[in-house]
């Protein structure tokens, strides 16, 4: 039996922000298309991103989402998407925690 693969947002605010991008200016619409592409890739292979070592995990991800793993998906134009994966016997869910510019990513992860 193959597992069901899904993609979800870490919280309702993030989900709302994603749908707002689709109605925004050109840059926002473009970013929503990049995120759509990431979502499609994650539905095919949840492990397609780059695993982030535990020592680099932002404290707020651990506190807010109780993550046990953290992944980064590189979007075009130097955008980054952070996600975690949860699974059980039936399904695998990639949970999008946030997207950010590369500069924001460097700040968040202390580079």
PDB file of N, CA and C in Angstrom:
ATOM      1  N   UNK A   1       0.834  -1.190   0.000  1.00  0.00           N
ATOM      2  CA  UNK A   1       0.000   0.000   0.000  1.00  0.00           C
ATOM      3  C   UNK A   1       0.881   1.257   0.000  1.00  0.00           C
ATOM      4  N   UNK A   2       0.629   2.142  -0.919  1.00  0.00           N
ATOM      5  CA  UNK A   2       1.353   3.409  -0.950  1.00  0.00           C
ATOM      6  C   UNK A   2       0.749   4.374   0.053  1.00  0.00           C
ATOM      7  N   UNK A   3       1.608   5.186   0.649  1.00  0.00           N
ATOM      8  CA  UNK A   3       1.116   6.191   1.588  1.00  0.00           C
ATOM      9  C   UNK A   3       0.499   7.360   0.821  1.00  0.00           C
ATOM     10  N   UNK A   4      -0.493   7.989   1.435  1.00  0.00           N
ATOM     11  CA  UNK A   4      -1.090   9.211   0.905  1.00  0.00           C
ATOM     12  C   UNK A   4      -0.111  10.342   1.202  1.00  0.00           C
ATOM     13  N   UNK A   5       0.145  11.194   0.229  1.00  0.00           N
ATOM     14  CA  UNK A   5       1.065  12.322   0.429  1.00  0.00           C
ATOM     15  C   UNK A   5       0.278  13.614   0.305  1.00  0.00           C
ATOM     16  N   UNK A   6       0.393  14.463   1.331  1.00  0.00           N
ATOM     17  CA  UNK A   6      -0.328  15.733   1.354  1.00  0.00           C
ATOM     18  C   UNK A   6       0.619  16.864   1.711  1.00  0.00           C
ATOM     19  N   UNK A   7       0.172  18.071   1.429  1.00  0.00           N
ATOM     20  CA  UNK A   7       0.905  19.280   1.825  1.00  0.00           C
ATOM     21  C   UNK A   7      -0.080  20.171   2.571  1.00  0.00           C
ATOM     22  N   UNK A   8       0.366  20.726   3.698  1.00  0.00           N
ATOM     23  CA  UNK A   8      -0.492  21.597   4.509  1.00  0.00           C
ATOM     24  C   UNK A   8       0.306  22.824   4.934  1.00  0.00           C
ATOM     25  N   UNK A   9      -0.393  23.805   5.457  1.00  0.00           N
ATOM     26  CA  UNK A   9       0.255  25.000   5.987  1.00  0.00           C
ATOM     27  C   UNK A   9       0.341  24.889   7.501  1.00  0.00           C
ATOM     28  N   UNK A  10       1.402  25.456   8.079  1.00  0.00           N
ATOM     29  CA  UNK A  10       1.638  25.375   9.514  1.00  0.00           C
ATOM     30  C   UNK A  10       0.552  26.018  10.350  1.00  0.00           C
ATOM     31  N   UNK A  11      -0.108  27.038   9.797  1.00  0.00           N
ATOM     32  CA  UNK A  11      -1.215  27.682  10.519  1.00  0.00           C
ATOM     33  C   UNK A  11      -2.117  28.417   9.527  1.00  0.00           C
ATOM     34  N   UNK A  12      -3.244  28.871  10.026  1.00  0.00           N
ATOM     35  CA  UNK A  12      -4.236  29.529   9.170  1.00  0.00           C
ATOM     36  C   UNK A  12      -3.725  30.856   8.606  1.00  0.00           C
ATOM     37  N   UNK A  13      -2.939  31.608   9.381  1.00  0.00           N
ATOM     38  CA  UNK A  13      -2.392  32.881   8.892  1.00  0.00           C
ATOM     39  C   UNK A  13      -1.510  32.670   7.670  1.00  0.00           C
ATOM     40  N   UNK A  14      -0.705  31.627   7.708  1.00  0.00           N
ATOM     41  CA  UNK A  14       0.174  31.329   6.579  1.00  0.00           C
ATOM     42  C   UNK A  14      -0.645  30.924   5.354  1.00  0.00           C
ATOM     43  N   UNK A  15      -1.664  30.129   5.576  1.00  0.00           N
ATOM     44  CA  UNK A  15      -2.537  29.718   4.480  1.00  0.00           C
ATOM     45  C   UNK A  15      -3.221  30.940   3.862  1.00  0.00           C
ATOM     46  N   UNK A  16      -3.698  31.842   4.699  1.00  0.00           N
ATOM     47  CA  UNK A  16      -4.328  33.073   4.204  1.00  0.00           C
ATOM     48  C   UNK A  16      -3.340  33.925   3.423  1.00  0.00           C
ATOM     49  N   UNK A  17      -2.113  34.037   3.934  1.00  0.00           N
ATOM     50  CA  UNK A  17      -1.078  34.822   3.249  1.00  0.00           C
ATOM     51  C   UNK A  17      -0.791  34.237   1.870  1.00  0.00           C
ATOM     52  N   UNK A  18      -0.795  32.922   1.780  1.00  0.00           N
ATOM     53  CA  UNK A  18      -0.559  32.245   0.498  1.00  0.00           C
ATOM     54  C   UNK A  18      -1.654  32.615  -0.504  1.00  0.00           C
ATOM     55  N   UNK A  19      -2.922  32.574  -0.073  1.00  0.00           N
ATOM     56  CA  UNK A  19      -4.012  32.907  -0.990  1.00  0.00           C
ATOM     57  C   UNK A  19      -4.029  34.392  -1.340  1.00  0.00           C
ATOM     58  N   UNK A  20      -3.554  35.243  -0.430  1.00  0.00           N
ATOM     59  CA  UNK A  20      -3.452  36.685  -0.729  1.00  0.00           C
ATOM     60  C   UNK A  20      -2.411  36.946  -1.818  1.00  0.00           C
ATOM     61  N   UNK A  21      -1.336  36.149  -1.830  1.00  0.00           N
ATOM     62  CA  UNK A  21      -0.307  36.316  -2.867  1.00  0.00           C
ATOM     63  C   UNK A  21      -0.916  36.191  -4.261  1.00  0.00           C
ATOM     64  N   UNK A  22      -1.847  35.277  -4.412  1.00  0.00           N
ATOM     65  CA  UNK A  22      -2.458  35.017  -5.716  1.00  0.00           C
ATOM     66  C   UNK A  22      -3.233  36.227  -6.248  1.00  0.00           C
ATOM     67  N   UNK A  23      -3.661  37.107  -5.338  1.00  0.00           N
ATOM     68  CA  UNK A  23      -4.429  38.292  -5.733  1.00  0.00           C
ATOM     69  C   UNK A  23      -3.566  39.547  -5.789  1.00  0.00           C
ATOM     70  N   UNK A  24      -2.287  39.417  -5.462  1.00  0.00           N
ATOM     71  CA  UNK A  24      -1.415  40.579  -5.348  1.00  0.00           C
ATOM     72  C   UNK A  24      -0.850  41.063  -6.668  1.00  0.00           C
ATOM     73  N   UNK A  25       0.167  41.897  -6.557  1.00  0.00           N
ATOM     74  CA  UNK A  25       0.871  42.429  -7.723  1.00  0.00           C
ATOM     75  C   UNK A  25       1.647  41.307  -8.409  1.00  0.00           C
ATOM     76  N   UNK A  26       2.313  41.652  -9.494  1.00  0.00           N
ATOM     77  CA  UNK A  26       3.047  40.663 -10.290  1.00  0.00           C
ATOM     78  C   UNK A  26       3.998  39.825  -9.433  1.00  0.00           C
ATOM     79  N   UNK A  27       4.780  40.485  -8.568  1.00  0.00           N
ATOM     80  CA  UNK A  27       5.773  39.766  -7.767  1.00  0.00           C
ATOM     81  C   UNK A  27       5.107  38.765  -6.825  1.00  0.00           C
ATOM     82  N   UNK A  28       3.973  39.160  -6.226  1.00  0.00           N
ATOM     83  CA  UNK A  28       3.275  38.254  -5.322  1.00  0.00           C
ATOM     84  C   UNK A  28       2.691  37.063  -6.088  1.00  0.00           C
ATOM     85  N   UNK A  29       2.100  37.354  -7.252  1.00  0.00           N
ATOM     86  CA  UNK A  29       1.551  36.267  -8.063  1.00  0.00           C
ATOM     87  C   UNK A  29       2.655  35.310  -8.487  1.00  0.00           C
ATOM     88  N   UNK A  30       3.796  35.877  -8.832  1.00  0.00           N
ATOM     89  CA  UNK A  30       4.929  35.046  -9.229  1.00  0.00           C
ATOM     90  C   UNK A  30       5.389  34.164  -8.060  1.00  0.00           C
ATOM     91  N   UNK A  31       5.474  34.741  -6.871  1.00  0.00           N
ATOM     92  CA  UNK A  31       5.856  33.969  -5.694  1.00  0.00           C
ATOM     93  C   UNK A  31       4.841  32.858  -5.428  1.00  0.00           C
ATOM     94  N   UNK A  32       3.556  33.150  -5.605  1.00  0.00           N
ATOM     95  CA  UNK A  32       2.538  32.106  -5.379  1.00  0.00           C
ATOM     96  C   UNK A  32       2.734  30.963  -6.384  1.00  0.00           C
ATOM     97  N   UNK A  33       3.160  31.286  -7.609  1.00  0.00           N
ATOM     98  CA  UNK A  33       3.437  30.241  -8.606  1.00  0.00           C
ATOM     99  C   UNK A  33       4.644  29.411  -8.193  1.00  0.00           C
ATOM    100  N   UNK A  34       5.665  30.066  -7.623  1.00  0.00           N
ATOM    101  CA  UNK A  34       6.837  29.329  -7.130  1.00  0.00           C
ATOM    102  C   UNK A  34       6.410  28.371  -6.013  1.00  0.00           C
ATOM    103  N   UNK A  35       5.556  28.853  -5.116  1.00  0.00           N
ATOM    104  CA  UNK A  35       5.087  28.022  -3.992  1.00  0.00           C
ATOM    105  C   UNK A  35       4.216  26.882  -4.523  1.00  0.00           C
ATOM    106  N   UNK A  36       3.387  27.171  -5.532  1.00  0.00           N
ATOM    107  CA  UNK A  36       2.576  26.114  -6.161  1.00  0.00           C
ATOM    108  C   UNK A  36       3.481  25.001  -6.697  1.00  0.00           C
ATOM    109  N   UNK A  37       4.563  25.399  -7.348  1.00  0.00           N
ATOM    110  CA  UNK A  37       5.502  24.425  -7.903  1.00  0.00           C
ATOM    111  C   UNK A  37       6.117  23.589  -6.779  1.00  0.00           C
ATOM    112  N   UNK A  38       6.483  24.258  -5.683  1.00  0.00           N
ATOM    113  CA  UNK A  38       7.042  23.541  -4.529  1.00  0.00           C
ATOM    114  C   UNK A  38       6.017  22.556  -3.972  1.00  0.00           C
ATOM    115  N   UNK A  39       4.770  22.993  -3.842  1.00  0.00           N
ATOM    116  CA  UNK A  39       3.713  22.117  -3.318  1.00  0.00           C
ATOM    117  C   UNK A  39       3.565  20.883  -4.209  1.00  0.00           C
ATOM    118  N   UNK A  40       3.567  21.095  -5.513  1.00  0.00           N
ATOM    119  CA  UNK A  40       3.462  19.958  -6.440  1.00  0.00           C
ATOM    120  C   UNK A  40       4.649  19.014  -6.283  1.00  0.00           C
ATOM    121  N   UNK A  41       5.859  19.568  -6.162  1.00  0.00           N
ATOM    122  CA  UNK A  41       7.053  18.732  -5.970  1.00  0.00           C
ATOM    123  C   UNK A  41       6.967  17.957  -4.662  1.00  0.00           C
ATOM    124  N   UNK A  42       6.498  18.617  -3.594  1.00  0.00           N
ATOM    125  CA  UNK A  42       6.391  17.955  -2.287  1.00  0.00           C
ATOM    126  C   UNK A  42       5.323  16.857  -2.299  1.00  0.00           C
ATOM    127  N   UNK A  43       4.296  17.012  -3.140  1.00  0.00           N
ATOM    128  CA  UNK A  43       3.276  15.964  -3.260  1.00  0.00           C
ATOM    129  C   UNK A  43       3.849  14.728  -3.952  1.00  0.00           C
ATOM    130  N   UNK A  44       4.839  14.944  -4.804  1.00  0.00           N
ATOM    131  CA  UNK A  44       5.494  13.825  -5.488  1.00  0.00           C
ATOM    132  C   UNK A  44       6.553  13.199  -4.581  1.00  0.00           C
ATOM    133  N   UNK A  45       7.363  14.046  -3.954  1.00  0.00           N
ATOM    134  CA  UNK A  45       8.445  13.573  -3.088  1.00  0.00           C
ATOM    135  C   UNK A  45       8.637  14.531  -1.920  1.00  0.00           C
ATOM    136  N   UNK A  46       8.091  14.200  -0.746  1.00  0.00           N
ATOM    137  CA  UNK A  46       8.220  15.090   0.418  1.00  0.00           C
ATOM    138  C   UNK A  46       9.677  15.351   0.826  1.00  0.00           C
ATOM    139  N   UNK A  47      10.579  14.476   0.398  1.00  0.00           N
ATOM    140  CA  UNK A  47      11.989  14.598   0.790  1.00  0.00           C
ATOM    141  C   UNK A  47      12.838  15.279  -0.292  1.00  0.00           C
ATOM    142  N   UNK A  48      12.199  16.019  -1.199  1.00  0.00           N
ATOM    143  CA  UNK A  48      12.929  16.643  -2.308  1.00  0.00           C
ATOM    144  C   UNK A  48      13.727  17.874  -1.882  1.00  0.00           C
ATOM    145  N   UNK A  49      13.458  18.386  -0.686  1.00  0.00           N
ATOM    146  CA  UNK A  49      14.194  19.549  -0.203  1.00  0.00           C
ATOM    147  C   UNK A  49      15.541  19.160   0.373  1.00  0.00           C
ATOM    148  N   UNK A  50      16.143  20.099   1.053  1.00  0.00           N
ATOM    149  CA  UNK A  50      17.441  19.895   1.692  1.00  0.00           C
ATOM    150  C   UNK A  50      17.209  19.845   3.197  1.00  0.00           C
ATOM    151  N   UNK A  51      17.656  18.763   3.820  1.00  0.00           N
ATOM    152  CA  UNK A  51      17.463  18.612   5.269  1.00  0.00           C
ATOM    153  C   UNK A  51      18.372  19.581   6.014  1.00  0.00           C
ATOM    154  N   UNK A  52      17.813  20.270   6.992  1.00  0.00           N
ATOM    155  CA  UNK A  52      18.564  21.256   7.777  1.00  0.00           C
ATOM    156  C   UNK A  52      19.004  20.606   9.083  1.00  0.00           C
ATOM    157  N   UNK A  53      20.292  20.686   9.411  1.00  0.00           N
ATOM    158  CA  UNK A  53      20.785  20.085  10.654  1.00  0.00           C
ATOM    159  C   UNK A  53      20.097  20.693  11.881  1.00  0.00           C
ATOM    160  N   UNK A  54      19.842  19.856  12.871  1.00  0.00           N
ATOM    161  CA  UNK A  54      19.126  20.248  14.086  1.00  0.00           C
ATOM    162  C   UNK A  54      19.744  21.481  14.749  1.00  0.00           C
ATOM    163  N   UNK A  55      21.040  21.590  14.740  1.00  0.00           N
ATOM    164  CA  UNK A  55      21.702  22.718  15.425  1.00  0.00           C
ATOM    165  C   UNK A  55      21.338  24.070  14.803  1.00  0.00           C
ATOM    166  N   UNK A  56      20.802  24.062  13.580  1.00  0.00           N
ATOM    167  CA  UNK A  56      20.433  25.314  12.902  1.00  0.00           C
ATOM    168  C   UNK A  56      18.947  25.654  13.013  1.00  0.00           C
ATOM    169  N   UNK A  57      18.159  24.764  13.618  1.00  0.00           N
ATOM    170  CA  UNK A  57      16.713  24.993  13.690  1.00  0.00           C
ATOM    171  C   UNK A  57      16.390  26.231  14.514  1.00  0.00           C
ATOM    172  N   UNK A  58      15.584  27.136  13.972  1.00  0.00           N
ATOM    173  CA  UNK A  58      15.147  28.298  14.758  1.00  0.00           C
ATOM    174  C   UNK A  58      14.298  27.856  15.955  1.00  0.00           C
ATOM    175  N   UNK A  59      14.535  28.482  17.092  1.00  0.00           N
ATOM    176  CA  UNK A  59      13.803  28.124  18.322  1.00  0.00           C
ATOM    177  C   UNK A  59      12.288  28.255  18.147  1.00  0.00           C
ATOM    178  N   UNK A  60      11.855  29.286  17.394  1.00  0.00           N
ATOM    179  CA  UNK A  60      10.406  29.468  17.244  1.00  0.00           C
ATOM    180  C   UNK A  60       9.746  28.301  16.502  1.00  0.00           C
ATOM    181  N   UNK A  61      10.473  27.639  15.605  1.00  0.00           N
ATOM    182  CA  UNK A  61       9.906  26.466  14.931  1.00  0.00           C
ATOM    183  C   UNK A  61       9.707  25.334  15.936  1.00  0.00           C
ATOM    184  N   UNK A  62      10.689  25.157  16.807  1.00  0.00           N
ATOM    185  CA  UNK A  62      10.609  24.096  17.811  1.00  0.00           C
ATOM    186  C   UNK A  62       9.466  24.387  18.783  1.00  0.00           C
ATOM    187  N   UNK A  63       9.366  25.649  19.237  1.00  0.00           N
ATOM    188  CA  UNK A  63       8.320  26.021  20.196  1.00  0.00           C
ATOM    189  C   UNK A  63       6.936  26.008  19.564  1.00  0.00           C
ATOM    190  N   UNK A  64       6.794  26.594  18.387  1.00  0.00           N
ATOM    191  CA  UNK A  64       5.472  26.757  17.777  1.00  0.00           C
ATOM    192  C   UNK A  64       4.948  25.496  17.095  1.00  0.00           C
ATOM    193  N   UNK A  65       5.854  24.693  16.548  1.00  0.00           N
ATOM    194  CA  UNK A  65       5.406  23.550  15.743  1.00  0.00           C
ATOM    195  C   UNK A  65       5.880  22.206  16.284  1.00  0.00           C
ATOM    196  N   UNK A  66       6.711  22.225  17.332  1.00  0.00           N
ATOM    197  CA  UNK A  66       7.248  20.987  17.915  1.00  0.00           C
ATOM    198  C   UNK A  66       7.831  20.078  16.832  1.00  0.00           C
ATOM    199  N   UNK A  67       8.649  20.655  15.963  1.00  0.00           N
ATOM    200  CA  UNK A  67       9.197  19.901  14.837  1.00  0.00           C
ATOM    201  C   UNK A  67      10.190  18.830  15.304  1.00  0.00           C
ATOM    202  N   UNK A  68      10.281  17.780  14.505  1.00  0.00           N
ATOM    203  CA  UNK A  68      11.273  16.724  14.730  1.00  0.00           C
ATOM    204  C   UNK A  68      12.198  16.600  13.519  1.00  0.00           C
ATOM    205  N   UNK A  69      11.927  17.407  12.496  1.00  0.00           N
ATOM    206  CA  UNK A  69      12.790  17.484  11.316  1.00  0.00           C
ATOM    207  C   UNK A  69      12.500  18.817  10.639  1.00  0.00           C
ATOM    208  N   UNK A  70      13.435  19.280   9.835  1.00  0.00           N
ATOM    209  CA  UNK A  70      13.264  20.563   9.148  1.00  0.00           C
ATOM    210  C   UNK A  70      13.937  20.490   7.796  1.00  0.00           C
ATOM    211  N   UNK A  71      13.236  20.988   6.798  1.00  0.00           N
ATOM    212  CA  UNK A  71      13.697  20.941   5.415  1.00  0.00           C
ATOM    213  C   UNK A  71      13.598  22.327   4.789  1.00  0.00           C
ATOM    214  N   UNK A  72      14.434  22.532   3.790  1.00  0.00           N
ATOM    215  CA  UNK A  72      14.416  23.785   3.023  1.00  0.00           C
ATOM    216  C   UNK A  72      14.222  23.419   1.563  1.00  0.00           C
ATOM    217  N   UNK A  73      13.333  24.171   0.916  1.00  0.00           N
ATOM    218  CA  UNK A  73      13.116  24.020  -0.520  1.00  0.00           C
ATOM    219  C   UNK A  73      13.514  25.345  -1.150  1.00  0.00           C
ATOM    220  N   UNK A  74      14.450  25.298  -2.090  1.00  0.00           N
ATOM    221  CA  UNK A  74      14.896  26.522  -2.762  1.00  0.00           C
ATOM    222  C   UNK A  74      13.917  26.889  -3.874  1.00  0.00           C
ATOM    223  N   UNK A  75      13.286  28.050  -3.714  1.00  0.00           N
ATOM    224  CA  UNK A  75      12.394  28.586  -4.736  1.00  0.00           C
ATOM    225  C   UNK A  75      13.206  29.472  -5.680  1.00  0.00           C
ATOM    226  N   UNK A  76      12.682  29.760  -6.882  1.00  0.00           N
ATOM    227  CA  UNK A  76      13.380  30.691  -7.780  1.00  0.00           C
ATOM    228  C   UNK A  76      13.541  32.084  -7.153  1.00  0.00           C
ATOM    229  N   UNK A  77      14.409  32.892  -7.730  1.00  0.00           N
ATOM    230  CA  UNK A  77      14.675  34.273  -7.295  1.00  0.00           C
ATOM    231  C   UNK A  77      15.144  34.347  -5.845  1.00  0.00           C
ATOM    232  N   UNK A  78      15.866  33.329  -5.407  1.00  0.00           N
ATOM    233  CA  UNK A  78      16.470  33.272  -4.066  1.00  0.00           C
ATOM    234  C   UNK A  78      15.464  33.232  -2.927  1.00  0.00           C
ATOM    235  N   UNK A  79      14.240  32.831  -3.177  1.00  0.00           N
ATOM    236  CA  UNK A  79      13.269  32.615  -2.102  1.00  0.00           C
ATOM    237  C   UNK A  79      13.510  31.245  -1.494  1.00  0.00           C
ATOM    238  N   UNK A  80      13.158  31.088  -0.232  1.00  0.00           N
ATOM    239  CA  UNK A  80      13.307  29.822   0.476  1.00  0.00           C
ATOM    240  C   UNK A  80      11.975  29.448   1.118  1.00  0.00           C
ATOM    241  N   UNK A  81      11.688  28.153   1.140  1.00  0.00           N
ATOM    242  CA  UNK A  81      10.493  27.651   1.791  1.00  0.00           C
ATOM    243  C   UNK A  81      10.949  26.650   2.855  1.00  0.00           C
ATOM    244  N   UNK A  82      10.534  26.870   4.098  1.00  0.00           N
ATOM    245  CA  UNK A  82      10.884  25.962   5.198  1.00  0.00           C
ATOM    246  C   UNK A  82       9.683  25.069   5.472  1.00  0.00           C
ATOM    247  N   UNK A  83       9.954  23.757   5.633  1.00  0.00           N
ATOM    248  CA  UNK A  83       8.861  22.833   5.928  1.00  0.00           C
ATOM    249  C   UNK A  83       9.344  21.691   6.806  1.00  0.00           C
ATOM    250  N   UNK A  84       8.399  21.033   7.421  1.00  0.00           N
ATOM    251  CA  UNK A  84       8.678  19.854   8.227  1.00  0.00           C
ATOM    252  C   UNK A  84       7.795  18.729   7.707  1.00  0.00           C
ATOM    253  N   UNK A  85       8.156  17.511   8.024  1.00  0.00           N
ATOM    254  CA  UNK A  85       7.407  16.352   7.550  1.00  0.00           C
ATOM    255  C   UNK A  85       6.893  15.556   8.746  1.00  0.00           C
ATOM    256  N   UNK A  86       5.619  15.235   8.726  1.00  0.00           N
ATOM    257  CA  UNK A  86       5.039  14.334   9.725  1.00  0.00           C
ATOM    258  C   UNK A  86       4.417  13.155   8.972  1.00  0.00           C
ATOM    259  N   UNK A  87       4.458  11.987   9.602  1.00  0.00           N
ATOM    260  CA  UNK A  87       3.888  10.825   8.931  1.00  0.00           C
ATOM    261  C   UNK A  87       3.407   9.795   9.939  1.00  0.00           C
ATOM    262  N   UNK A  88       2.543   8.931   9.445  1.00  0.00           N
ATOM    263  CA  UNK A  88       2.108   7.770  10.207  1.00  0.00           C
ATOM    264  C   UNK A  88       2.024   6.606   9.220  1.00  0.00           C
ATOM    265  N   UNK A  89       1.328   5.541   9.574  1.00  0.00           N
ATOM    266  CA  UNK A  89       1.264   4.372   8.700  1.00  0.00           C
ATOM    267  C   UNK A  89       0.533   4.659   7.387  1.00  0.00           C
ATOM    268  N   UNK A  90      -0.336   5.659   7.396  1.00  0.00           N
ATOM    269  CA  UNK A  90      -1.215   5.898   6.253  1.00  0.00           C
ATOM    270  C   UNK A  90      -0.758   7.042   5.358  1.00  0.00           C
ATOM    271  N   UNK A  91      -0.254   8.128   5.974  1.00  0.00           N
ATOM    272  CA  UNK A  91       0.081   9.280   5.132  1.00  0.00           C
ATOM    273  C   UNK A  91       1.329  10.019   5.585  1.00  0.00           C
ATOM    274  N   UNK A  92       1.850  10.789   4.646  1.00  0.00           N
ATOM    275  CA  UNK A  92       2.990  11.685   4.870  1.00  0.00           C
ATOM    276  C   UNK A  92       2.485  13.092   4.571  1.00  0.00           C
ATOM    277  N   UNK A  93       2.720  14.029   5.495  1.00  0.00           N
ATOM    278  CA  UNK A  93       2.285  15.413   5.285  1.00  0.00           C
ATOM    279  C   UNK A  93       3.501  16.338   5.389  1.00  0.00           C
ATOM    280  N   UNK A  94       3.741  17.097   4.334  1.00  0.00           N
ATOM    281  CA  UNK A  94       4.739  18.166   4.376  1.00  0.00           C
ATOM    282  C   UNK A  94       4.016  19.407   4.880  1.00  0.00           C
ATOM    283  N   UNK A  95       4.505  19.970   5.974  1.00  0.00           N
ATOM    284  CA  UNK A  95       3.861  21.148   6.555  1.00  0.00           C
ATOM    285  C   UNK A  95       4.732  22.367   6.287  1.00  0.00           C
ATOM    286  N   UNK A  96       4.207  23.288   5.505  1.00  0.00           N
ATOM    287  CA  UNK A  96       4.933  24.519   5.180  1.00  0.00           C
ATOM    288  C   UNK A  96       4.920  25.424   6.408  1.00  0.00           C
ATOM    289  N   UNK A  97       6.104  25.829   6.859  1.00  0.00           N
ATOM    290  CA  UNK A  97       6.222  26.684   8.045  1.00  0.00           C
ATOM    291  C   UNK A  97       6.322  28.151   7.658  1.00  0.00           C
ATOM    292  N   UNK A  98       7.051  28.447   6.603  1.00  0.00           N
ATOM    293  CA  UNK A  98       7.122  29.825   6.091  1.00  0.00           C
ATOM    294  C   UNK A  98       7.923  29.852   4.805  1.00  0.00           C
ATOM    295  N   UNK A  99       7.784  30.952   4.081  1.00  0.00           N
ATOM    296  CA  UNK A  99       8.645  31.235   2.940  1.00  0.00           C
ATOM    297  C   UNK A  99       9.285  32.581   3.213  1.00  0.00           C
ATOM    298  N   UNK A 100      10.462  32.779   2.654  1.00  0.00           N
ATOM    299  CA  UNK A 100      11.209  34.006   2.956  1.00  0.00           C
ATOM    300  C   UNK A 100      12.248  34.242   1.870  1.00  0.00           C
ATOM    301  N   UNK A 101      12.733  35.479   1.820  1.00  0.00           N
ATOM    302  CA  UNK A 101      13.825  35.786   0.904  1.00  0.00           C
ATOM    303  C   UNK A 101      15.088  35.115   1.430  1.00  0.00           C
ATOM    304  N   UNK A 102      16.089  35.040   0.581  1.00  0.00           N
ATOM    305  CA  UNK A 102      17.348  34.429   1.010  1.00  0.00           C
ATOM    306  C   UNK A 102      17.958  35.216   2.179  1.00  0.00           C
ATOM    307  N   UNK A 103      17.851  36.537   2.120  1.00  0.00           N
ATOM    308  CA  UNK A 103      18.392  37.372   3.206  1.00  0.00           C
ATOM    309  C   UNK A 103      17.665  37.067   4.529  1.00  0.00           C
ATOM    310  N   UNK A 104      16.334  36.968   4.483  1.00  0.00           N
ATOM    311  CA  UNK A 104      15.553  36.613   5.687  1.00  0.00           C
ATOM    312  C   UNK A 104      15.935  35.213   6.166  1.00  0.00           C
ATOM    313  N   UNK A 105      16.145  34.319   5.220  1.00  0.00           N
ATOM    314  CA  UNK A 105      16.550  32.946   5.554  1.00  0.00           C
ATOM    315  C   UNK A 105      17.884  32.952   6.309  1.00  0.00           C
ATOM    316  N   UNK A 106      18.836  33.719   5.791  1.00  0.00           N
ATOM    317  CA  UNK A 106      20.143  33.798   6.461  1.00  0.00           C
ATOM    318  C   UNK A 106      20.023  34.339   7.879  1.00  0.00           C
ATOM    319  N   UNK A 107      19.186  35.359   8.061  1.00  0.00           N
ATOM    320  CA  UNK A 107      18.959  35.910   9.407  1.00  0.00           C
ATOM    321  C   UNK A 107      18.295  34.896  10.319  1.00  0.00           C
ATOM    322  N   UNK A 108      17.240  34.252   9.822  1.00  0.00           N
ATOM    323  CA  UNK A 108      16.469  33.276  10.605  1.00  0.00           C
ATOM    324  C   UNK A 108      17.352  32.118  11.066  1.00  0.00           C
ATOM    325  N   UNK A 109      18.248  31.670  10.178  1.00  0.00           N
ATOM    326  CA  UNK A 109      19.062  30.491  10.479  1.00  0.00           C
ATOM    327  C   UNK A 109      20.470  30.845  10.964  1.00  0.00           C
ATOM    328  N   UNK A 110      20.735  32.140  11.154  1.00  0.00           N
ATOM    329  CA  UNK A 110      21.985  32.569  11.754  1.00  0.00           C
ATOM    330  C   UNK A 110      23.219  32.403  10.888  1.00  0.00           C
ATOM    331  N   UNK A 111      23.084  32.627   9.594  1.00  0.00           N
ATOM    332  CA  UNK A 111      24.265  32.545   8.718  1.00  0.00           C
ATOM    333  C   UNK A 111      24.921  33.893   8.609  1.00  0.00           C
TER     334      UNK A 111
END
